[in-house]
Amino acid sequence: MLEERGQQVMGNAPRPLGRIGMLIGVLFSCGTGVAIAQSVDTNPILGRIILIEPQQAKTALKIKQRKHIGPIDAVEGMLVRRGYLLILSPTARATIICGDGKKRELAPGPQGCPCTKSCTPEVCGVRYDGSTISATRGPDTDAGLFPVVISPRKTMLRNLRPTIRWAPIAGAKDGTTYSVTLFGEGMKVVWSRDVTSETWLIYPDKEPSLTDGQTYKVVVTSNGLSSEQDHSPGLGFTVLTADQARALADDETKRKQLELPETQTRFLIANLYAGRELYAEAIEQLQELHTTMKEPALTGMLGDLYATIGLNREAAKWYLETLGMTPADDLEGVGVTRKSLAQVYENLGIYDKAMAQLKEAIKAYRRLGNTIMVHNLFNEERRLKETGRR
């Protein structure tokens, strides 16, 4: 049973602005001269803005997403599609990370994106292409019906002594005791430990280290309630093999050799972790960065990661924070965040909120001129209406 969960966890590893009046009429795609199209499919995401200096100058870099709408102020972490027009102030500096992991410096003035190939999850995030979050109901951690394992779950893992976290049961008071048990292959007990008045535990130093390439599962029980009541698939986690760990370390070194500031480097490394399905370690890195990096790209990625591991309540909290930071004129950012919120609300069974977010997403994509996405969301709206009636 655990081996089956481990296979589900593993998945597939990697996957003054100058004279611009005439240029704004036709938006140049990267390396071509083609006018911007109206479909997401013909305008793939090519890279991510990783650095803007000076950071306090909001108008340092502007982006025009469609020819019929005005330019918006760019922020660090923003994704760039083929066909976007980028307008860099002559007194500013901006750097883009392309799908190949290499950085490109923008020139002053208007230009297309300097990247040429579609982006990858290791650079642009696990949901960068706007794909729909899996409709996994998952547990509602706010309900507290039973202890829910927060981490590690549904993830690859490099850390051989991770921090284990879980959501408390409803009405838990000081003195509530949780029994934490680690199971190995064949659901054999590796070790068990009682924890009082806390909802986390660092893997004990006195216990045997996790083994490369092996699959495990954490089970937490308290007052006759168990995290096994969470019936989501693939709740185990699998440790990287030695070869996988070496490959990850090599790619992490490449990110550090880009000579970006520490915050931007760590953000890129978190994306690398997410792209290799090390969701637990990506979340940990991003939550640490959240104290210094206040950008929609970071909080949106946290929402994506929590949704990926089936923790919809946590995902909704991060998406709401993302929405609060996203400028109203960033129609792509508003649209994708509201679409994601609609899915996690549906997963939680909150259909009225899901419907409200879908309607707002449709408005954003209609203003953007993305007729394909509008059509798809109308279909989602009809499906959700039928689901809500059942």
Foldseek 3Di string as FASTA:
>chain_A
DLVQLAVQLQPDFDFVQPPCVVVLQAFAFAPGRHRDDQACVVWAWWWFWLDKPPQVDQQQKWKDLHSVDDIGGDHGGDIFIGRIKMAGAQVMWIWIQGQVRAIDIDHHHIDHDNGDDHHGLLGNNPCNSLDAQDLALWDALVQQCFKAWQPDWSFEDADQWAKTFIRHHPPDDFFWKKKKWKAWPPRHTQDIDIDTRHGMDTRDPVGDTDDAFTKMAIKMGTPRGINVVGPDGSGIYTYHHPVRVVVLVVVLVSLVVSPDPPLSSLLSNLSNRVSRRRLRVSLVSLVVSVVPDQALSSLQNNLVSCSNRRHLNSSLVSLVSSCVRDDPSPLVSLLSSLQNNLSSCVSNVVLVSSLVSLVSSLVSSVVSSNVVVNVVSVVVNVVSVVVNVD
